[in-house]
Protein backbone atom coordinates (compact mmCIF):
# COMPACT_ATOMS: atom_id res chain seq x y z
CA MET A 1 83.15 -27.76 -1.15
CA GLU A 2 85.46 -24.99 -2.36
CA TYR A 3 87.61 -27.57 -4.15
CA LEU A 4 84.56 -28.87 -6.03
CA LEU A 5 83.52 -25.36 -7.08
CA GLU A 6 87.03 -24.56 -8.27
CA THR A 7 87.29 -27.85 -10.16
CA ASN A 8 83.93 -27.29 -11.85
CA PHE A 9 84.99 -23.76 -12.81
CA TYR A 10 88.15 -25.03 -14.51
CA LEU A 11 86.24 -27.84 -16.24
CA PHE A 12 83.69 -25.30 -17.49
CA ILE A 13 86.45 -23.13 -18.99
CA ILE A 14 88.09 -26.17 -20.65
CA VAL A 15 84.76 -27.26 -22.15
CA VAL A 16 84.13 -23.74 -23.46
CA TYR A 17 87.58 -23.67 -25.09
CA ILE A 18 87.06 -27.08 -26.70
CA LEU A 19 83.60 -26.15 -27.99
CA SER A 20 84.85 -22.81 -29.30
CA PHE A 21 87.69 -24.31 -31.28
CA THR A 22 85.45 -27.14 -32.49
CA ILE A 23 82.99 -24.60 -33.84
CA LEU A 24 85.86 -22.63 -35.40
CA GLY A 25 87.20 -25.75 -37.10
CA ALA A 26 83.74 -26.75 -38.31
CA LEU A 27 83.13 -23.32 -39.81
CA LEU A 28 86.48 -23.28 -41.58
CA GLY A 29 85.94 -26.86 -42.77
CA ILE A 30 82.52 -26.06 -44.20
CA MET A 31 83.90 -22.96 -45.89
CA ALA A 32 86.79 -24.99 -47.34
CA LEU A 33 84.29 -27.33 -49.03
CA PHE A 34 83.22 -24.47 -51.26
CA GLU A 35 85.85 -23.39 -53.72
CA GLU A 36 84.35 -19.94 -53.95
CA TRP A 37 84.43 -18.32 -50.57
CA PRO A 38 81.41 -16.06 -50.05
CA VAL A 39 83.43 -13.67 -47.90
CA SER A 40 87.13 -13.32 -47.27
CA LEU A 41 88.80 -15.75 -44.87
CA MET A 42 90.09 -12.84 -42.81
CA GLU A 43 86.54 -11.62 -42.13
CA ILE A 44 85.51 -15.10 -40.95
CA VAL A 45 88.53 -15.38 -38.66
CA LYS A 46 87.93 -11.90 -37.21
CA THR A 47 84.27 -12.65 -36.52
CA VAL A 48 85.02 -16.03 -34.93
CA LEU A 49 87.80 -14.57 -32.78
CA LYS A 50 85.46 -11.82 -31.56
CA GLY A 51 82.91 -14.49 -30.67
CA LEU A 52 85.55 -16.59 -28.89
CA PHE A 53 86.72 -13.57 -26.93
CA PHE A 54 83.13 -12.79 -25.88
CA ILE A 55 82.47 -16.42 -24.87
CA ILE A 56 85.70 -16.62 -22.85
CA ILE A 57 85.05 -13.34 -21.03
CA LEU A 58 81.41 -14.30 -20.35
CA SER A 59 82.37 -17.74 -19.04
CA PHE A 60 85.03 -16.20 -16.80
CA ILE A 61 82.55 -13.69 -15.35
CA LEU A 62 79.83 -16.30 -14.82
CA GLY A 63 82.27 -18.80 -13.33
CA THR A 64 83.72 -16.21 -10.97
CA LEU A 65 80.26 -15.08 -9.87
CA SER A 66 79.05 -18.62 -9.24
CA TYR A 67 82.24 -19.47 -7.36
CA GLY A 68 81.97 -16.31 -5.24
CA LEU A 69 78.31 -16.88 -4.46
CA GLY A 70 79.02 -20.49 -3.53
CA VAL A 71 81.80 -19.50 -1.14
CA LEU A 72 79.66 -16.73 0.37
CA GLY A 73 76.76 -19.11 0.77
CA GLU A 74 78.82 -21.36 3.00
CA ASN A 75 79.67 -18.64 5.51
CA CYS A 76 76.70 -16.24 5.49
CA ASN A 77 73.27 -16.22 7.09
CA ILE A 78 69.99 -14.97 5.67
CA ASP A 79 70.36 -11.65 7.51
CA SER A 80 73.66 -11.15 5.59
CA SER A 81 75.84 -11.55 8.67
CA CYS A 82 78.94 -13.45 7.59
CA TYR A 83 81.43 -15.32 9.71
CA PRO A 84 85.05 -16.13 8.93
CA GLU A 85 85.73 -19.77 8.17
CA TYR A 86 87.75 -20.39 11.31
CA LEU A 87 84.94 -19.41 13.71
CA PRO A 88 82.24 -21.94 14.59
CA TYR A 89 78.67 -21.04 13.69
């Protein structure tokens, strides 16, 4: 079960990276269609990079939390008494 959670976590991060750079490319492509740029390219890049940074940090936090809760859920009871993995229940 831990392997599946870890694999899903890495897949989630990869998908977030791909989506982020796809959105970045789409924005720059749309802006390149217009010869007159409404704002400077540097402002667009700064804004997109801030968004990417926020998305990456958020996905890392959410992935870590879900992984941790999944691992805890395997070894803990409702009354919050937890057992190490090597002891039988």
